[in-house]
N, C-alpha and C. Protein backbone atom coordinates (compact mmCIF):
# COMPACT_ATOMS: atom_id res chain seq x y z
N UNK A 1 7.64 -0.98 -15.50
CA UNK A 1 6.56 -2.50 -13.99
C UNK A 1 4.91 -1.39 -14.34
N UNK A 2 4.59 -2.68 -14.08
CA UNK A 2 3.29 -2.59 -13.07
C UNK A 2 2.32 -1.64 -12.03
N UNK A 3 2.08 -1.04 -11.71
CA UNK A 3 1.58 -0.46 -10.70
C UNK A 3 0.14 -1.10 -10.25
N UNK A 4 0.00 -1.80 -9.42
CA UNK A 4 -1.75 -2.37 -8.61
C UNK A 4 -2.14 -1.83 -8.04
N UNK A 5 -2.83 -1.14 -8.47
CA UNK A 5 -4.13 -0.10 -8.12
C UNK A 5 -5.25 -0.09 -7.51
N UNK A 6 -5.93 0.37 -6.70
CA UNK A 6 -7.45 0.47 -6.01
C UNK A 6 -7.87 2.12 -5.81
N UNK A 7 -8.50 2.14 -5.82
CA UNK A 7 -9.71 3.45 -5.80
C UNK A 7 -10.63 3.25 -4.91
N UNK A 8 -10.90 3.70 -4.00
CA UNK A 8 -11.51 3.69 -2.64
C UNK A 8 -12.01 4.68 -2.26
N UNK A 9 -12.91 4.73 -3.17
CA UNK A 9 -14.62 6.62 -2.29
C UNK A 9 -14.97 6.03 -3.05
N UNK A 10 -16.60 6.97 -2.08
CA UNK A 10 -17.81 6.70 -2.02
C UNK A 10 -18.80 7.36 -3.09
N UNK A 11 -18.32 7.89 -3.40
CA UNK A 11 -18.93 9.20 -4.91
C UNK A 11 -18.25 8.33 -5.94
N UNK A 12 -19.44 7.25 -6.52
CA UNK A 12 -19.52 7.42 -7.96
C UNK A 12 -19.29 8.10 -9.15
N UNK A 13 -19.22 9.59 -8.89
CA UNK A 13 -19.22 10.01 -9.97
C UNK A 13 -17.10 10.35 -9.85
N UNK A 14 -16.90 10.66 -8.64
CA UNK A 14 -15.49 10.55 -8.36
C UNK A 14 -14.59 9.34 -8.43
N UNK A 15 -15.22 8.28 -8.36
CA UNK A 15 -14.35 7.41 -8.90
C UNK A 15 -14.94 6.96 -10.33
N UNK A 16 -15.82 7.58 -10.99
CA UNK A 16 -15.94 7.66 -12.85
C UNK A 16 -14.51 8.91 -13.42
N UNK A 17 -14.32 9.38 -12.37
CA UNK A 17 -13.52 10.26 -13.47
C UNK A 17 -12.08 10.09 -12.52
N UNK A 18 -11.86 9.27 -11.98
CA UNK A 18 -10.66 8.73 -11.55
C UNK A 18 -9.75 7.33 -12.08
N UNK A 19 -10.94 6.92 -12.79
CA UNK A 19 -10.67 5.35 -13.03
C UNK A 19 -10.09 5.99 -14.72
N UNK A 20 -11.12 7.40 -15.86
CA UNK A 20 -10.45 7.59 -17.05
C UNK A 20 -9.35 8.77 -16.81
N UNK A 21 -9.27 9.13 -16.02
CA UNK A 21 -8.16 9.47 -15.75
C UNK A 21 -6.30 8.55 -16.13
N UNK A 22 -6.84 7.30 -15.08
CA UNK A 22 -6.31 5.41 -15.27
C UNK A 22 -6.49 5.60 -16.12
N UNK A 23 -7.11 5.41 -17.11
CA UNK A 23 -7.04 4.75 -18.42
C UNK A 23 -5.65 5.28 -18.87
N UNK A 24 -5.64 6.55 -18.63
CA UNK A 24 -4.48 7.29 -20.10
C UNK A 24 -3.37 7.03 -19.61
N UNK A 25 -2.79 6.35 -18.48
CA UNK A 25 -1.55 5.49 -17.40
C UNK A 25 -1.08 4.51 -18.27
N UNK A 26 -0.39 4.34 -18.55
CA UNK A 26 -0.39 2.60 -19.40
C UNK A 26 0.42 1.71 -17.96
N UNK A 27 0.91 2.44 -16.77
CA UNK A 27 2.19 1.70 -15.85
C UNK A 27 0.69 1.52 -14.57
N UNK A 28 -0.17 2.08 -14.98
CA UNK A 28 -0.67 1.36 -13.53
C UNK A 28 -2.36 0.94 -13.73
N UNK A 29 -2.39 -0.29 -13.31
CA UNK A 29 -3.44 -0.91 -13.05
C UNK A 29 -4.47 -1.52 -12.31
N UNK A 30 -5.68 -0.74 -12.43
CA UNK A 30 -6.71 -0.48 -11.37
C UNK A 30 -7.05 -2.09 -11.32
N UNK A 31 -6.90 -2.71 -10.00
CA UNK A 31 -7.40 -4.22 -9.85
C UNK A 31 -9.22 -4.15 -10.03
N UNK A 32 -9.42 -2.86 -8.72
CA UNK A 32 -11.00 -2.60 -7.84
C UNK A 32 -11.18 -1.25 -7.47
N UNK A 33 -12.68 -1.74 -7.62
CA UNK A 33 -13.18 0.51 -7.55
C UNK A 33 -13.42 -0.25 -6.21
N UNK A 34 -13.86 0.36 -5.29
CA UNK A 34 -13.86 0.32 -4.04
C UNK A 34 -15.23 1.32 -2.95
N UNK A 35 -16.45 1.21 -2.83
CA UNK A 35 -17.39 1.60 -1.71
C UNK A 35 -16.75 2.44 -0.46
N UNK A 36 -15.75 1.70 0.34
CA UNK A 36 -15.82 1.86 1.09
C UNK A 36 -14.49 1.60 2.12
N UNK A 37 -14.38 1.75 2.76
CA UNK A 37 -12.94 1.01 3.67
C UNK A 37 -12.95 -0.52 4.35
N UNK A 38 -14.51 -1.20 4.15
CA UNK A 38 -14.38 -2.43 4.19
C UNK A 38 -14.16 -2.93 3.02
N UNK A 39 -14.97 -2.78 1.94
CA UNK A 39 -14.31 -3.39 1.74
C UNK A 39 -13.21 -3.07 0.55
N UNK A 40 -12.38 -2.68 0.87
CA UNK A 40 -10.85 -1.98 0.17
C UNK A 40 -10.06 -3.14 1.16
N UNK A 41 -10.88 -3.20 2.24
CA UNK A 41 -9.75 -4.53 3.46
C UNK A 41 -9.62 -5.85 2.96
N UNK A 42 -11.34 -5.74 1.80
CA UNK A 42 -11.35 -7.41 1.25
C UNK A 42 -10.61 -7.36 0.32
N UNK A 43 -10.42 -6.75 -0.75
CA UNK A 43 -9.17 -6.05 -1.42
C UNK A 43 -8.27 -6.86 -1.43
N UNK A 44 -6.95 -5.74 -0.38
CA UNK A 44 -6.18 -6.01 0.55
C UNK A 44 -5.70 -7.28 0.77
N UNK A 45 -6.91 -7.87 1.50
CA UNK A 45 -6.93 -9.28 1.97
C UNK A 45 -6.66 -10.65 0.59
N UNK A 46 -6.77 -10.25 -0.68
CA UNK A 46 -6.83 -11.05 -2.15
C UNK A 46 -5.75 -10.73 -2.66
N UNK A 47 -5.72 -9.29 -2.74
CA UNK A 47 -4.82 -8.98 -3.52
C UNK A 47 -3.62 -8.16 -3.26
N UNK A 48 -2.64 -7.84 -4.41
CA UNK A 48 -0.92 -7.53 -4.18
C UNK A 48 -1.24 -6.02 -4.82
N UNK A 49 -1.54 -4.96 -3.59
CA UNK A 49 -1.87 -3.85 -4.17
C UNK A 49 -0.60 -3.33 -3.72
N UNK A 50 -0.15 -1.99 -4.44
CA UNK A 50 1.30 -1.06 -4.41
C UNK A 50 0.51 0.31 -4.26
N UNK A 51 -0.61 0.82 -4.63
CA UNK A 51 -0.63 1.88 -4.69
C UNK A 51 -2.87 1.84 -4.77
N UNK A 52 -2.27 2.75 -3.65
CA UNK A 52 -3.76 3.42 -3.37
C UNK A 52 -4.75 4.77 -3.68
N UNK A 53 -6.34 5.22 -3.99
CA UNK A 53 -6.25 5.78 -4.47
C UNK A 53 -7.33 6.56 -3.36
N UNK A 54 -7.16 6.81 -2.04
CA UNK A 54 -8.15 6.82 -1.46
C UNK A 54 -8.56 8.16 -0.25
N UNK A 55 -10.06 8.41 -0.66
CA UNK A 55 -10.49 9.14 -0.39
C UNK A 55 -10.78 9.50 1.56
N UNK A 56 -11.16 11.23 1.69
CA UNK A 56 -10.42 11.17 3.26
C UNK A 56 -11.95 10.95 4.03
N UNK A 57 -12.79 11.93 3.24
CA UNK A 57 -14.56 11.96 3.56
C UNK A 57 -15.29 10.73 3.33
N UNK A 58 -15.72 9.30 4.14
CA UNK A 58 -16.26 8.43 3.43
C UNK A 58 -16.90 7.98 5.20
N UNK A 59 -17.89 7.70 4.71
CA UNK A 59 -18.41 7.49 6.37
C UNK A 59 -18.48 5.72 6.87
N UNK A 60 -18.35 5.69 8.18
CA UNK A 60 -18.15 4.03 8.91
C UNK A 60 -16.63 4.56 9.92
N UNK A 61 -15.63 4.87 8.83
CA UNK A 61 -14.30 5.20 8.73
C UNK A 61 -13.61 5.87 7.28
N UNK A 62 -13.31 6.74 8.00
CA UNK A 62 -12.62 7.83 7.18
C UNK A 62 -11.66 7.07 6.29
N UNK A 63 -10.85 7.65 5.55
CA UNK A 63 -9.87 7.30 4.89
C UNK A 63 -8.10 7.07 5.84
N UNK A 64 -8.28 8.31 6.61
CA UNK A 64 -7.48 8.58 7.62
C UNK A 64 -7.25 6.77 8.32
N UNK A 65 -8.15 6.81 8.82
CA UNK A 65 -8.84 5.93 10.27
C UNK A 65 -8.11 4.76 9.44
N UNK A 66 -8.42 4.74 8.50
CA UNK A 66 -8.77 3.19 7.39
C UNK A 66 -7.19 2.88 7.39
N UNK A 67 -6.99 4.03 6.56
CA UNK A 67 -4.77 4.18 6.48
C UNK A 67 -4.18 3.45 7.55
N UNK A 68 -4.63 4.24 9.23
CA UNK A 68 -3.94 3.81 10.07
C UNK A 68 -4.28 2.33 10.93
N UNK A 69 -5.67 1.77 10.34
CA UNK A 69 -5.67 0.26 10.82
C UNK A 69 -4.64 -0.50 9.98
N UNK A 70 -4.25 -0.31 8.87
CA UNK A 70 -3.03 -1.28 7.93
C UNK A 70 -1.97 -1.05 8.52
N UNK A 71 -1.42 -2.57 8.97
CA UNK A 71 -0.71 -2.72 8.82
C UNK A 71 1.25 -3.08 8.49
N UNK A 72 0.62 -3.13 7.24
CA UNK A 72 1.73 -2.40 6.35
C UNK A 72 0.90 -1.68 4.81
N UNK A 73 0.75 -0.68 4.95
CA UNK A 73 0.01 -0.08 4.29
C UNK A 73 0.78 0.30 2.14
N UNK A 74 0.46 -0.13 1.75
CA UNK A 74 1.30 0.53 0.04
C UNK A 74 1.01 2.51 0.23
N UNK A 75 1.51 2.72 -0.27
CA UNK A 75 1.26 3.92 -1.25
C UNK A 75 0.29 4.56 -1.18
N UNK A 76 0.25 5.48 -0.11
CA UNK A 76 -1.39 6.15 -1.03
C UNK A 76 -1.37 7.49 -1.66
N UNK A 77 -2.98 8.00 -1.94
CA UNK A 77 -2.93 9.15 -2.92
C UNK A 77 -3.85 9.37 -2.16
N UNK A 78 -4.15 10.51 -1.38
CA UNK A 78 -5.40 10.98 -0.03
C UNK A 78 -6.31 11.60 -1.85
N UNK A 79 -7.31 11.30 -1.59
CA UNK A 79 -8.29 11.83 -3.19
C UNK A 79 -9.56 12.73 -2.03
N UNK A 80 -10.08 13.80 -2.60
CA UNK A 80 -11.12 14.74 -2.16
C UNK A 80 -12.33 15.15 -3.11
N UNK A 81 -13.14 15.14 -1.98
CA UNK A 81 -13.69 16.33 -3.43
C UNK A 81 -14.60 17.47 -2.78
N UNK A 82 -14.14 17.93 -1.58
CA UNK A 82 -13.79 19.12 -0.37
C UNK A 82 -13.26 19.56 -0.52
N UNK A 83 -13.01 21.75 -0.01
CA UNK A 83 -11.76 21.77 0.13
C UNK A 83 -11.05 22.20 1.34
N UNK A 84 -12.45 21.80 2.43
CA UNK A 84 -11.71 21.61 3.78
C UNK A 84 -10.99 20.34 3.86
N UNK A 85 -10.84 19.81 3.10
CA UNK A 85 -9.77 18.63 3.70
C UNK A 85 -9.08 18.83 2.64
N UNK A 86 -8.62 19.02 0.88
CA UNK A 86 -7.69 19.37 0.74
C UNK A 86 -6.18 19.17 1.29
């Protein structure tokens, strides 16, 4: 079974690291990489996504508030580069 996923993170370096890891996981398909929550909302409207790798600390709309805004959210793995959010 293929798991369709997206990355939502405003840090390009974090995106690239996670993309490299996901390339090694055969049953996870990376559908999109989004720079902020509003971009992710557009992807979720168009695509069937089962898993979001979601940064907690993002400008404009935090990962936590983005998740709360979703009526039927997919599974979420929170990611962060900051120890205070870990």
